[in-house]
Amino acid sequence: MLKSAKKTREKILKKSNRISSLCALCLLFSSCSLKYSETVNSEDTVPEFIFEETNLVRYENNKPTLELSAGSLEQYKNNDETYGKDVTFKAYNDAGEVETEGSCGIIFADSGKKLYELYDDINLYNVPENMRFYANMLKWNGNSEQLTSGRSDMVKIEKDDTIMRGSGFTASGISKTFSFRGNITGTIETSDEEKDQSEVVENGAAVGNAE
């Protein structure tokens, strides 16, 4: 089931983080201990509905807010959790215009808490800012409007003639800014097609403006 696949994916990511950092190891132990000791409810582990090759549209005030297509989609009883595989999606603003669109291998959504996790071959495009994101793991918190990656996970950003890659990515939908906490590399294309300007920053952080 996709819920188990998501947990397996998280375990793989956590194991890679343990290799890269002793501090991350301590954090993982502290964050996982309670989760594994929880009592398991069978209704929480078996999907109430399974949809294959489906397309769903969510409406608010008679306007579409989210359109999602998936090769497989699971919904669970007693909570607002949805798990999807081979997903493409579009998110709309209040005017009914596409604000964000993208695709990923696996998605986890908790509509009640407004928490979304994307995994595997993520391609995310923000239309108003003309920014495209590529990653293998991203989390979106709809309450704080924060888009984040894992501390050691790489994210690639393309905007106009600029390409940036780095780890420890964070973006704010409120301030329209983003930052990298880890190593970054960047390329800026000049008007001369034969010349590129490149810059590499090691062991530092980068802060940018999405506008």
Protein backbone atom coordinates (compact mmCIF):
# COMPACT_ATOMS: atom_id res chain seq x y z
CA MET A 1 0.00 0.00 0.00
CA LEU A 2 1.06 3.58 -0.62
CA LYS A 3 0.94 4.43 3.08
CA SER A 4 3.54 1.72 3.73
CA ALA A 5 5.55 2.92 0.73
CA LYS A 6 5.65 6.42 2.18
CA LYS A 7 6.88 5.12 5.54
CA THR A 8 9.54 3.03 3.77
CA ARG A 9 10.62 6.11 1.81
CA GLU A 10 10.91 8.09 5.03
CA LYS A 11 13.03 5.34 6.61
CA ILE A 12 15.43 5.41 3.63
CA LEU A 13 15.75 9.19 3.88
CA LYS A 14 16.35 8.97 7.62
CA LYS A 15 19.05 6.34 7.18
CA SER A 16 20.88 8.53 4.65
CA ASN A 17 20.71 11.46 7.05
CA ARG A 18 22.22 9.30 9.83
CA ILE A 19 25.21 8.58 7.65
CA SER A 20 25.77 12.26 6.85
CA SER A 21 25.49 13.74 10.34
CA LEU A 22 25.84 12.61 13.95
CA CYS A 23 23.44 15.37 14.99
CA ALA A 24 20.88 14.10 12.53
CA LEU A 25 21.26 10.64 14.09
CA CYS A 26 20.29 11.99 17.51
CA LEU A 27 17.32 13.87 16.07
CA LEU A 28 16.09 10.81 14.23
CA PHE A 29 16.17 8.63 17.32
CA SER A 30 14.24 11.21 19.33
CA SER A 31 11.65 11.82 16.61
CA CYS A 32 11.03 8.16 15.75
CA SER A 33 10.76 6.57 19.19
CA LEU A 34 7.22 7.75 19.94
CA LYS A 35 5.97 7.00 16.44
CA TYR A 36 6.98 3.35 16.55
CA SER A 37 5.44 2.86 20.00
CA GLU A 38 1.96 4.01 18.97
CA THR A 39 -0.89 1.51 19.11
CA VAL A 40 -1.86 0.55 15.56
CA ASN A 41 -5.52 0.80 14.58
CA SER A 42 -6.46 -1.49 11.68
CA GLU A 43 -8.77 1.17 10.25
CA ASP A 44 -5.77 3.49 10.02
CA THR A 45 -3.63 0.97 8.13
CA VAL A 46 -6.15 -0.32 5.58
CA PRO A 47 -7.43 2.15 2.95
CA GLU A 48 -11.16 2.87 2.98
CA PHE A 49 -11.06 3.70 -0.75
CA ILE A 50 -8.57 2.87 -3.50
CA PHE A 51 -8.81 4.62 -6.86
CA GLU A 52 -6.88 3.63 -9.98
CA GLU A 53 -6.12 6.03 -12.84
CA THR A 54 -8.26 8.72 -11.26
CA ASN A 55 -8.74 12.47 -11.53
CA LEU A 56 -10.07 14.46 -8.56
CA VAL A 57 -11.02 18.13 -8.30
CA ARG A 58 -11.56 19.92 -4.99
CA TYR A 59 -13.90 22.92 -4.89
CA GLU A 60 -14.35 25.74 -2.41
CA ASN A 61 -17.09 28.34 -2.88
CA ASN A 62 -17.90 26.74 -6.24
CA LYS A 63 -14.34 27.33 -7.49
CA PRO A 64 -11.66 24.69 -8.09
CA THR A 65 -8.78 24.91 -5.63
CA LEU A 66 -6.92 21.69 -6.46
CA GLU A 67 -6.92 19.23 -9.36
CA LEU A 68 -5.07 15.94 -8.95
CA SER A 69 -4.52 12.98 -11.27
CA ALA A 70 -2.94 9.77 -9.97
CA GLY A 71 -2.11 6.30 -11.14
CA SER A 72 -3.23 5.07 -7.71
CA LEU A 73 -4.88 6.92 -4.83
CA GLU A 74 -5.68 5.73 -1.29
CA GLN A 75 -7.94 7.42 1.24
CA TYR A 76 -8.17 6.39 4.89
CA LYS A 77 -11.01 6.31 7.40
CA ASN A 78 -11.09 8.48 10.55
CA ASN A 79 -8.61 11.03 9.20
CA ASP A 80 -7.96 13.38 6.28
CA GLU A 81 -4.99 11.45 4.90
CA THR A 82 -4.59 10.67 1.21
CA TYR A 83 -1.71 8.83 -0.46
CA GLY A 84 -1.06 8.94 -4.19
CA LYS A 85 1.33 7.37 -6.69
CA ASP A 86 2.41 8.74 -10.10
CA VAL A 87 0.76 12.09 -9.42
CA THR A 88 0.26 15.28 -11.41
CA PHE A 89 -1.53 18.25 -9.87
CA LYS A 90 -2.60 21.88 -10.25
CA ALA A 91 -3.38 24.34 -7.46
CA TYR A 92 -5.57 27.38 -8.19
CA ASN A 93 -5.70 30.83 -6.59
CA ASP A 94 -8.86 32.67 -5.53
CA ALA A 95 -9.31 34.00 -9.07
CA GLY A 96 -9.40 30.47 -10.47
CA GLU A 97 -5.99 30.78 -12.12
CA VAL A 98 -3.33 28.07 -11.94
CA GLU A 99 -0.82 29.10 -9.28
CA THR A 100 1.25 25.94 -8.91
CA GLU A 101 1.49 22.78 -10.99
CA GLY A 102 3.74 19.77 -10.85
CA SER A 103 4.28 16.03 -10.63
CA CYS A 104 5.91 13.49 -8.34
CA GLY A 105 6.23 9.75 -7.75
CA ILE A 106 4.50 9.66 -4.35
CA ILE A 107 2.43 12.24 -2.49
CA PHE A 108 1.06 12.30 1.05
CA ALA A 109 -1.64 14.85 1.89
CA ASP A 110 -3.35 15.67 5.18
CA SER A 111 -6.00 18.17 4.10
CA GLY A 112 -7.14 18.78 7.66
CA LYS A 113 -3.69 19.88 8.82
CA LYS A 114 -2.78 21.35 5.41
CA LEU A 115 0.40 19.27 5.29
CA TYR A 116 1.72 17.82 2.04
CA GLU A 117 4.79 15.67 1.38
CA LEU A 118 6.15 14.96 -2.10
CA TYR A 119 8.68 12.24 -2.98
CA ASP A 120 10.60 10.98 -6.02
CA ASP A 121 11.20 12.90 -9.27
CA ILE A 122 9.48 16.07 -8.11
CA ASN A 123 8.87 18.73 -10.76
CA LEU A 124 7.17 21.77 -9.24
CA TYR A 125 6.38 25.00 -11.12
CA ASN A 126 5.21 28.24 -9.51
CA VAL A 127 3.46 30.22 -12.24
CA PRO A 128 3.39 33.77 -10.73
CA GLU A 129 7.11 33.65 -9.85
CA ASN A 130 8.13 31.71 -12.98
CA MET A 131 10.17 29.34 -10.81
CA ARG A 132 10.64 25.61 -11.29
CA PHE A 133 11.84 23.23 -8.56
CA TYR A 134 13.36 19.76 -8.96
CA ALA A 135 13.86 17.51 -5.93
CA ASN A 136 13.34 14.04 -4.48
CA MET A 137 11.68 15.23 -1.26
CA LEU A 138 9.74 18.40 -0.45
CA LYS A 139 7.26 19.30 2.28
CA TRP A 140 4.61 22.04 2.12
CA ASN A 141 2.93 23.47 5.21
CA GLY A 142 -0.20 25.30 4.12
CA ASN A 143 -0.61 26.98 7.50
CA SER A 144 2.81 28.64 7.55
CA GLU A 145 3.18 28.64 3.74
CA GLN A 146 6.62 27.06 4.03
CA LEU A 147 8.20 24.78 1.42
CA THR A 148 11.17 22.79 2.77
CA SER A 149 13.50 19.96 1.87
CA GLY A 150 15.51 17.69 4.15
CA ARG A 151 18.72 19.15 5.54
CA SER A 152 20.92 17.11 3.18
CA ASP A 153 18.48 16.73 0.26
CA MET A 154 19.42 18.51 -2.96
CA VAL A 155 17.03 20.94 -4.68
CA LYS A 156 17.44 22.51 -8.10
CA ILE A 157 15.79 25.86 -8.91
CA GLU A 158 15.35 27.41 -12.33
CA LYS A 159 14.16 31.02 -12.73
CA ASP A 160 14.61 32.99 -15.95
CA ASP A 161 18.33 32.59 -16.83
CA THR A 162 19.40 31.48 -13.36
CA ILE A 163 19.94 27.90 -12.15
CA MET A 164 20.77 27.10 -8.51
CA ARG A 165 21.40 23.81 -6.71
CA GLY A 166 21.78 23.33 -2.99
CA SER A 167 20.76 21.47 0.16
CA GLY A 168 18.76 22.51 3.20
CA PHE A 169 16.22 24.38 1.08
CA THR A 170 13.50 26.60 2.59
CA ALA A 171 11.04 28.88 0.81
CA SER A 172 8.37 31.20 2.20
CA GLY A 173 5.15 31.83 0.34
CA ILE A 174 4.56 34.89 2.50
CA SER A 175 7.85 36.76 2.09
CA LYS A 176 8.54 35.30 -1.39
CA THR A 177 12.10 34.43 -0.36
CA PHE A 178 14.09 31.20 -0.34
CA SER A 179 17.34 30.04 1.22
CA PHE A 180 19.82 27.16 1.24
CA ARG A 181 21.59 26.12 4.45
CA GLY A 182 24.13 23.82 2.79
CA ASN A 183 26.51 24.00 -0.16
CA ILE A 184 25.17 25.65 -3.29
CA THR A 185 26.20 26.07 -6.91
CA GLY A 186 24.73 28.62 -9.30
CA THR A 187 24.81 29.46 -13.00
CA ILE A 188 23.67 32.71 -14.62
CA GLU A 189 23.35 32.86 -18.40
CA THR A 190 24.51 36.13 -19.98
CA SER A 191 23.28 37.76 -23.17
CA ASP A 192 26.26 36.24 -24.97
CA GLU A 193 25.22 32.65 -25.64
CA GLU A 194 28.84 31.54 -25.61
CA LYS A 195 29.58 32.88 -22.16
CA ASP A 196 28.17 31.74 -18.84
CA GLN A 197 28.87 33.20 -15.45
CA SER A 198 29.14 30.57 -12.71
CA GLU A 199 29.60 30.86 -8.98
CA VAL A 200 30.16 28.18 -6.35
CA VAL A 201 29.71 28.76 -2.62
CA GLU A 202 30.97 26.07 -0.27
CA ASN A 203 29.92 25.50 3.33
CA GLY A 204 27.68 28.52 3.31
CA ALA A 205 24.08 29.60 3.02
CA ALA A 206 22.33 31.44 0.22
CA VAL A 207 19.29 33.66 0.42
CA GLY A 208 17.29 34.76 -2.61
CA ASN A 209 14.15 36.63 -3.56
CA ALA A 210 11.58 34.88 -5.70
CA GLU A 211 10.40 38.12 -7.30
